[in-house]
Amino acid sequence: MSPALEPTQLLAFAAASVVLVGMPGPNIIYITTRSLAHGTRAGVVSVLGVETGTAVYAAATALGLSALIAASPTAFTVIRYLGAAYLVYLAARELTRRRHGDATADPDGPARLGRVYRDGLLMNLLNPKVALFFLAFLPQFLTRGASGPAAQAEVLALGLVTVVVALAVDLAYAVVAGALGQRLRRRPRRTPRHPALRRLPVAGVYLAIAAAAVTHGAAA
């Protein structure tokens, strides 16, 4: 057994998390792209989906499942390629979607927002590097000598801090990008007239994240 985490430990961990989470990476690029293209509401729902995935990995780390993924090259590679394939699917769907978003009549309705949430959740769950992040980062802030249930409890606490920090940072990006996207949409003359051309940059971002996931993972 070990004593509970000290407030100084939590503050140091939160500060480090702000720096790491705030650095532009696949999640922030994805959320920003969603917000720019589909508005603040879609961006916020994307944040909720992405960080639900983060919470799942935090729990998996406490249970030891993340270590199993990291220790198995096959499992790591399969998840990584599934994630890249899903991003390619999102790019293709972006290029072929209807003018008003999805097949639903209301582009901000529950069906569409449910899909947005699912996209964010799956994108993060299919990114095994989140597991590596928790395995490499969290142990540095655990109480010395912590083991067993006590260590699991500390990992869960630190994971919760990570999720809260990530939510705050990602929501800030989503709100700012959503406001910028709304402002840009008020200037239609500066954007391509054909809908497919307007969607091309968004699809390109998804494809770029997919390519980075595959190439960087191969290099690792």
C-alpha atoms as a PDB file:
ATOM      1  CA  MET A   1       0.000   0.000   0.000  1.00  0.00           C
ATOM      2  CA  SER A   2       1.022   3.640  -0.456  1.00  0.00           C
ATOM      3  CA  PRO A   3      -0.294   6.999   0.735  1.00  0.00           C
ATOM      4  CA  ALA A   4      -2.640   9.000  -1.449  1.00  0.00           C
ATOM      5  CA  LEU A   5      -1.229  11.309  -4.063  1.00  0.00           C
ATOM      6  CA  GLU A   6      -0.014  14.578  -2.612  1.00  0.00           C
ATOM      7  CA  PRO A   7      -1.516  17.857  -3.901  1.00  0.00           C
ATOM      8  CA  THR A   8       1.928  18.848  -5.181  1.00  0.00           C
ATOM      9  CA  GLN A   9       2.073  15.642  -7.232  1.00  0.00           C
ATOM     10  CA  LEU A  10      -1.317  16.361  -8.788  1.00  0.00           C
ATOM     11  CA  LEU A  11      -0.404  19.987  -9.527  1.00  0.00           C
ATOM     12  CA  ALA A  12       2.895  18.991 -11.136  1.00  0.00           C
ATOM     13  CA  PHE A  13       1.147  16.341 -13.172  1.00  0.00           C
ATOM     14  CA  ALA A  14      -1.612  18.756 -14.262  1.00  0.00           C
ATOM     15  CA  ALA A  15       0.960  21.347 -15.329  1.00  0.00           C
ATOM     16  CA  ALA A  16       2.907  18.780 -17.344  1.00  0.00           C
ATOM     17  CA  SER A  17      -0.333  17.525 -18.880  1.00  0.00           C
ATOM     18  CA  VAL A  18      -1.298  21.025 -20.026  1.00  0.00           C
ATOM     19  CA  VAL A  19       2.018  21.342 -21.863  1.00  0.00           C
ATOM     20  CA  LEU A  20       1.844  17.904 -23.487  1.00  0.00           C
ATOM     21  CA  VAL A  21      -1.866  17.930 -24.318  1.00  0.00           C
ATOM     22  CA  GLY A  22      -1.711  21.504 -25.628  1.00  0.00           C
ATOM     23  CA  MET A  23       0.922  20.665 -28.224  1.00  0.00           C
ATOM     24  CA  PRO A  24      -0.770  20.255 -31.629  1.00  0.00           C
ATOM     25  CA  GLY A  25      -1.102  16.567 -32.415  1.00  0.00           C
ATOM     26  CA  PRO A  26      -3.542  14.288 -34.254  1.00  0.00           C
ATOM     27  CA  ASN A  27      -6.375  14.866 -31.765  1.00  0.00           C
ATOM     28  CA  ILE A  28      -6.140  18.650 -31.816  1.00  0.00           C
ATOM     29  CA  ILE A  29      -5.731  18.732 -35.600  1.00  0.00           C
ATOM     30  CA  TYR A  30      -8.777  16.480 -35.968  1.00  0.00           C
ATOM     31  CA  ILE A  31     -10.901  18.550 -33.554  1.00  0.00           C
ATOM     32  CA  THR A  32      -9.823  21.832 -35.137  1.00  0.00           C
ATOM     33  CA  THR A  33     -10.621  20.528 -38.604  1.00  0.00           C
ATOM     34  CA  ARG A  34     -14.060  19.336 -37.483  1.00  0.00           C
ATOM     35  CA  SER A  35     -14.815  22.697 -35.886  1.00  0.00           C
ATOM     36  CA  LEU A  36     -13.652  24.693 -38.889  1.00  0.00           C
ATOM     37  CA  ALA A  37     -15.621  22.605 -41.349  1.00  0.00           C
ATOM     38  CA  HIS A  38     -18.784  21.760 -39.405  1.00  0.00           C
ATOM     39  CA  GLY A  39     -19.090  24.341 -36.655  1.00  0.00           C
ATOM     40  CA  THR A  40     -18.494  24.656 -32.929  1.00  0.00           C
ATOM     41  CA  ARG A  41     -21.172  22.148 -31.935  1.00  0.00           C
ATOM     42  CA  ALA A  42     -19.613  19.410 -34.039  1.00  0.00           C
ATOM     43  CA  GLY A  43     -16.203  20.325 -32.629  1.00  0.00           C
ATOM     44  CA  VAL A  44     -17.409  20.108 -29.038  1.00  0.00           C
ATOM     45  CA  VAL A  45     -19.061  16.732 -29.653  1.00  0.00           C
ATOM     46  CA  SER A  46     -15.832  15.548 -31.299  1.00  0.00           C
ATOM     47  CA  VAL A  47     -13.959  16.560 -28.146  1.00  0.00           C
ATOM     48  CA  LEU A  48     -16.350  14.505 -26.016  1.00  0.00           C
ATOM     49  CA  GLY A  49     -15.836  11.477 -28.261  1.00  0.00           C
ATOM     50  CA  VAL A  50     -12.044  11.805 -28.334  1.00  0.00           C
ATOM     51  CA  GLU A  51     -11.744  12.228 -24.580  1.00  0.00           C
ATOM     52  CA  THR A  52     -14.074   9.324 -23.910  1.00  0.00           C
ATOM     53  CA  GLY A  53     -11.458   7.289 -25.753  1.00  0.00           C
ATOM     54  CA  THR A  54      -8.761   8.831 -23.553  1.00  0.00           C
ATOM     55  CA  ALA A  55     -10.715   7.818 -20.446  1.00  0.00           C
ATOM     56  CA  VAL A  56     -10.974   4.260 -21.758  1.00  0.00           C
ATOM     57  CA  TYR A  57      -7.200   4.087 -22.223  1.00  0.00           C
ATOM     58  CA  ALA A  58      -6.650   5.533 -18.732  1.00  0.00           C
ATOM     59  CA  ALA A  59      -8.792   2.765 -17.252  1.00  0.00           C
ATOM     60  CA  ALA A  60      -7.048   0.191 -19.451  1.00  0.00           C
ATOM     61  CA  THR A  61      -3.672   1.397 -18.171  1.00  0.00           C
ATOM     62  CA  ALA A  62      -4.771   0.925 -14.570  1.00  0.00           C
ATOM     63  CA  LEU A  63      -5.929  -2.603 -15.401  1.00  0.00           C
ATOM     64  CA  GLY A  64      -2.742  -3.447 -17.254  1.00  0.00           C
ATOM     65  CA  LEU A  65      -4.380  -3.781 -20.685  1.00  0.00           C
ATOM     66  CA  SER A  66      -2.377  -0.941 -22.218  1.00  0.00           C
ATOM     67  CA  ALA A  67       0.828  -2.748 -21.287  1.00  0.00           C
ATOM     68  CA  LEU A  68      -0.406  -5.819 -23.147  1.00  0.00           C
ATOM     69  CA  ILE A  69      -1.050  -3.732 -26.279  1.00  0.00           C
ATOM     70  CA  ALA A  70       2.360  -2.090 -26.056  1.00  0.00           C
ATOM     71  CA  ALA A  71       4.090  -5.440 -25.499  1.00  0.00           C
ATOM     72  CA  SER A  72       2.454  -7.058 -28.523  1.00  0.00           C
ATOM     73  CA  PRO A  73       3.829  -5.734 -31.829  1.00  0.00           C
ATOM     74  CA  THR A  74       1.020  -7.500 -33.683  1.00  0.00           C
ATOM     75  CA  ALA A  75      -1.768  -5.953 -31.601  1.00  0.00           C
ATOM     76  CA  PHE A  76      -0.129  -2.523 -31.778  1.00  0.00           C
ATOM     77  CA  THR A  77       0.233  -2.725 -35.559  1.00  0.00           C
ATOM     78  CA  VAL A  78      -3.302  -4.001 -36.126  1.00  0.00           C
ATOM     79  CA  ILE A  79      -4.838  -1.206 -34.052  1.00  0.00           C
ATOM     80  CA  ARG A  80      -2.636   1.390 -35.748  1.00  0.00           C
ATOM     81  CA  TYR A  81      -3.636   0.290 -39.248  1.00  0.00           C
ATOM     82  CA  LEU A  82      -7.295   0.090 -38.274  1.00  0.00           C
ATOM     83  CA  GLY A  83      -7.040   3.678 -37.082  1.00  0.00           C
ATOM     84  CA  ALA A  84      -5.439   4.788 -40.338  1.00  0.00           C
ATOM     85  CA  ALA A  85      -8.115   2.946 -42.320  1.00  0.00           C
ATOM     86  CA  TYR A  86     -10.849   4.641 -40.328  1.00  0.00           C
ATOM     87  CA  LEU A  87      -9.363   8.058 -41.092  1.00  0.00           C
ATOM     88  CA  VAL A  88      -9.298   7.168 -44.788  1.00  0.00           C
ATOM     89  CA  TYR A  89     -12.970   6.234 -44.452  1.00  0.00           C
ATOM     90  CA  LEU A  90     -13.701   9.616 -42.837  1.00  0.00           C
ATOM     91  CA  ALA A  91     -11.915  11.360 -45.718  1.00  0.00           C
ATOM     92  CA  ALA A  92     -13.952   9.438 -48.298  1.00  0.00           C
ATOM     93  CA  ARG A  93     -17.176  10.151 -46.424  1.00  0.00           C
ATOM     94  CA  GLU A  94     -16.327  13.840 -46.270  1.00  0.00           C
ATOM     95  CA  LEU A  95     -15.879  13.970 -50.040  1.00  0.00           C
ATOM     96  CA  THR A  96     -19.097  12.085 -50.773  1.00  0.00           C
ATOM     97  CA  ARG A  97     -21.423  13.442 -48.084  1.00  0.00           C
ATOM     98  CA  ARG A  98     -24.510  15.375 -49.045  1.00  0.00           C
ATOM     99  CA  ARG A  99     -24.490  19.120 -49.149  1.00  0.00           C
ATOM    100  CA  HIS A 100     -26.164  19.477 -45.748  1.00  0.00           C
ATOM    101  CA  GLY A 101     -23.993  16.940 -43.936  1.00  0.00           C
ATOM    102  CA  ASP A 102     -25.577  13.509 -43.587  1.00  0.00           C
ATOM    103  CA  ALA A 103     -28.750  11.805 -44.650  1.00  0.00           C
ATOM    104  CA  THR A 104     -30.576  13.425 -41.734  1.00  0.00           C
ATOM    105  CA  ALA A 105     -32.756  16.448 -42.330  1.00  0.00           C
ATOM    106  CA  ASP A 106     -31.227  18.326 -39.400  1.00  0.00           C
ATOM    107  CA  PRO A 107     -27.434  18.742 -39.720  1.00  0.00           C
ATOM    108  CA  ASP A 108     -27.203  19.457 -35.978  1.00  0.00           C
ATOM    109  CA  GLY A 109     -29.703  16.760 -35.002  1.00  0.00           C
ATOM    110  CA  PRO A 110     -29.048  13.828 -32.660  1.00  0.00           C
ATOM    111  CA  ALA A 111     -28.286  11.369 -35.485  1.00  0.00           C
ATOM    112  CA  ARG A 112     -25.545  13.496 -36.999  1.00  0.00           C
ATOM    113  CA  LEU A 113     -24.045  14.517 -33.654  1.00  0.00           C
ATOM    114  CA  GLY A 114     -24.127  10.889 -32.557  1.00  0.00           C
ATOM    115  CA  ARG A 115     -22.040  10.010 -35.596  1.00  0.00           C
ATOM    116  CA  VAL A 116     -19.641  12.862 -34.829  1.00  0.00           C
ATOM    117  CA  TYR A 117     -19.203  11.537 -31.284  1.00  0.00           C
ATOM    118  CA  ARG A 118     -18.611   8.018 -32.571  1.00  0.00           C
ATOM    119  CA  ASP A 119     -16.018   9.261 -35.066  1.00  0.00           C
ATOM    120  CA  GLY A 120     -14.016  10.983 -32.333  1.00  0.00           C
ATOM    121  CA  LEU A 121     -14.271   7.995 -30.012  1.00  0.00           C
ATOM    122  CA  LEU A 122     -13.143   5.469 -32.603  1.00  0.00           C
ATOM    123  CA  MET A 123     -10.353   7.684 -33.892  1.00  0.00           C
ATOM    124  CA  ASN A 124      -8.821   7.866 -30.429  1.00  0.00           C
ATOM    125  CA  LEU A 125      -9.470   4.232 -29.493  1.00  0.00           C
ATOM    126  CA  LEU A 126      -7.750   3.161 -32.714  1.00  0.00           C
ATOM    127  CA  ASN A 127      -4.649   5.149 -31.828  1.00  0.00           C
ATOM    128  CA  PRO A 128      -2.446   2.784 -29.759  1.00  0.00           C
ATOM    129  CA  LYS A 129       0.027   5.597 -29.101  1.00  0.00           C
ATOM    130  CA  VAL A 130      -2.409   6.867 -26.472  1.00  0.00           C
ATOM    131  CA  ALA A 131      -1.658   3.674 -24.541  1.00  0.00           C
ATOM    132  CA  LEU A 132       2.079   4.327 -24.892  1.00  0.00           C
ATOM    133  CA  PHE A 133       1.561   7.880 -23.655  1.00  0.00           C
ATOM    134  CA  PHE A 134      -0.064   6.665 -20.447  1.00  0.00           C
ATOM    135  CA  LEU A 135       2.528   3.938 -19.920  1.00  0.00           C
ATOM    136  CA  ALA A 136       5.442   6.353 -20.345  1.00  0.00           C
ATOM    137  CA  PHE A 137       3.998   9.444 -18.670  1.00  0.00           C
ATOM    138  CA  LEU A 138       1.884   8.400 -15.684  1.00  0.00           C
ATOM    139  CA  PRO A 139       4.458   6.237 -13.819  1.00  0.00           C
ATOM    140  CA  GLN A 140       6.755   9.248 -13.447  1.00  0.00           C
ATOM    141  CA  PHE A 141       4.237  10.827 -11.064  1.00  0.00           C
ATOM    142  CA  LEU A 142       3.266   7.778  -8.999  1.00  0.00           C
ATOM    143  CA  THR A 143       4.141   7.581  -5.324  1.00  0.00           C
ATOM    144  CA  ARG A 144       7.438   5.797  -4.855  1.00  0.00           C
ATOM    145  CA  GLY A 145       6.860   2.186  -3.908  1.00  0.00           C
ATOM    146  CA  ALA A 146       3.202   2.167  -4.922  1.00  0.00           C
ATOM    147  CA  SER A 147       1.985  -1.219  -6.113  1.00  0.00           C
ATOM    148  CA  GLY A 148      -1.120  -3.337  -6.434  1.00  0.00           C
ATOM    149  CA  PRO A 149      -4.512  -1.679  -5.832  1.00  0.00           C
ATOM    150  CA  ALA A 150      -2.851   1.482  -4.524  1.00  0.00           C
ATOM    151  CA  ALA A 151      -0.928   1.963  -7.764  1.00  0.00           C
ATOM    152  CA  GLN A 152      -4.073   1.263  -9.790  1.00  0.00           C
ATOM    153  CA  ALA A 153      -5.944   3.908  -7.807  1.00  0.00           C
ATOM    154  CA  GLU A 154      -3.185   6.441  -8.449  1.00  0.00           C
ATOM    155  CA  VAL A 155      -3.136   5.656 -12.163  1.00  0.00           C
ATOM    156  CA  LEU A 156      -6.906   6.164 -12.315  1.00  0.00           C
ATOM    157  CA  ALA A 157      -6.595   9.486 -10.457  1.00  0.00           C
ATOM    158  CA  LEU A 158      -3.862  10.723 -12.780  1.00  0.00           C
ATOM    159  CA  GLY A 159      -5.813   9.471 -15.768  1.00  0.00           C
ATOM    160  CA  LEU A 160      -8.821  11.482 -14.615  1.00  0.00           C
ATOM    161  CA  VAL A 161      -6.640  14.586 -14.345  1.00  0.00           C
ATOM    162  CA  THR A 162      -5.398  13.962 -17.888  1.00  0.00           C
ATOM    163  CA  VAL A 163      -8.955  13.687 -19.209  1.00  0.00           C
ATOM    164  CA  VAL A 164     -10.046  16.897 -17.448  1.00  0.00           C
ATOM    165  CA  VAL A 165      -7.028  18.822 -18.750  1.00  0.00           C
ATOM    166  CA  ALA A 166      -7.497  17.438 -22.267  1.00  0.00           C
ATOM    167  CA  LEU A 167     -11.188  18.366 -22.208  1.00  0.00           C
ATOM    168  CA  ALA A 168     -10.378  21.959 -21.249  1.00  0.00           C
ATOM    169  CA  VAL A 169      -7.616  22.332 -23.845  1.00  0.00           C
ATOM    170  CA  ASP A 170      -9.519  20.620 -26.651  1.00  0.00           C
ATOM    171  CA  LEU A 171     -12.708  22.589 -25.971  1.00  0.00           C
ATOM    172  CA  ALA A 172     -10.723  25.822 -26.248  1.00  0.00           C
ATOM    173  CA  TYR A 173      -9.417  24.733 -29.650  1.00  0.00           C
ATOM    174  CA  ALA A 174     -12.911  23.676 -30.742  1.00  0.00           C
ATOM    175  CA  VAL A 175     -14.529  26.987 -29.753  1.00  0.00           C
ATOM    176  CA  VAL A 176     -11.847  29.140 -31.369  1.00  0.00           C
ATOM    177  CA  ALA A 177     -11.781  27.053 -34.560  1.00  0.00           C
ATOM    178  CA  GLY A 178     -15.585  27.000 -34.710  1.00  0.00           C
ATOM    179  CA  ALA A 179     -15.760  30.793 -34.457  1.00  0.00           C
ATOM    180  CA  LEU A 180     -13.086  31.145 -37.139  1.00  0.00           C
ATOM    181  CA  GLY A 181     -14.914  28.705 -39.409  1.00  0.00           C
ATOM    182  CA  GLN A 182     -18.162  30.637 -39.010  1.00  0.00           C
ATOM    183  CA  ARG A 183     -16.369  33.839 -39.919  1.00  0.00           C
ATOM    184  CA  LEU A 184     -14.801  32.265 -43.001  1.00  0.00           C
ATOM    185  CA  ARG A 185     -18.154  30.885 -44.158  1.00  0.00           C
ATOM    186  CA  ARG A 186     -19.473  34.435 -44.278  1.00  0.00           C
ATOM    187  CA  ARG A 187     -17.042  35.065 -47.135  1.00  0.00           C
ATOM    188  CA  PRO A 188     -18.220  32.579 -49.801  1.00  0.00           C
ATOM    189  CA  ARG A 189     -16.299  34.291 -52.596  1.00  0.00           C
ATOM    190  CA  ARG A 190     -13.020  33.257 -51.050  1.00  0.00           C
ATOM    191  CA  THR A 191     -13.876  29.548 -51.074  1.00  0.00           C
ATOM    192  CA  PRO A 192     -14.317  27.206 -54.051  1.00  0.00           C
ATOM    193  CA  ARG A 193     -17.881  27.175 -55.324  1.00  0.00           C
ATOM    194  CA  HIS A 194     -18.129  23.442 -55.928  1.00  0.00           C
ATOM    195  CA  PRO A 195     -18.993  21.607 -52.654  1.00  0.00           C
ATOM    196  CA  ALA A 196     -16.473  18.823 -53.321  1.00  0.00           C
ATOM    197  CA  LEU A 197     -13.657  21.368 -53.610  1.00  0.00           C
ATOM    198  CA  ARG A 198     -14.648  22.951 -50.297  1.00  0.00           C
ATOM    199  CA  ARG A 199     -14.494  19.535 -48.645  1.00  0.00           C
ATOM    200  CA  LEU A 200     -11.125  18.624 -50.157  1.00  0.00           C
ATOM    201  CA  PRO A 201      -8.990  20.364 -47.475  1.00  0.00           C
ATOM    202  CA  VAL A 202     -10.861  18.556 -44.682  1.00  0.00           C
ATOM    203  CA  ALA A 203     -10.456  15.183 -46.399  1.00  0.00           C
ATOM    204  CA  GLY A 204      -6.795  16.012 -46.988  1.00  0.00           C
ATOM    205  CA  VAL A 205      -6.232  16.595 -43.268  1.00  0.00           C
ATOM    206  CA  TYR A 206      -7.764  13.205 -42.425  1.00  0.00           C
ATOM    207  CA  LEU A 207      -5.542  11.522 -45.008  1.00  0.00           C
ATOM    208  CA  ALA A 208      -2.466  13.333 -43.678  1.00  0.00           C
ATOM    209  CA  ILE A 209      -3.170  12.138 -40.113  1.00  0.00           C
ATOM    210  CA  ALA A 210      -3.653   8.590 -41.433  1.00  0.00           C
ATOM    211  CA  ALA A 211      -0.355   8.735 -43.339  1.00  0.00           C
ATOM    212  CA  ALA A 212       1.464  10.091 -40.283  1.00  0.00           C
ATOM    213  CA  ALA A 213       0.033   7.308 -38.103  1.00  0.00           C
ATOM    214  CA  VAL A 214       1.310   4.649 -40.488  1.00  0.00           C
ATOM    215  CA  THR A 215       4.727   6.126 -41.285  1.00  0.00           C
ATOM    216  CA  HIS A 216       5.603   7.250 -37.763  1.00  0.00           C
ATOM    217  CA  GLY A 217       4.455   3.945 -36.339  1.00  0.00           C
ATOM    218  CA  ALA A 218       6.620   2.084 -38.841  1.00  0.00           C
ATOM    219  CA  ALA A 219       9.603   4.251 -37.896  1.00  0.00           C
ATOM    220  CA  ALA A 220       9.035   3.487 -34.225  1.00  0.00           C
END
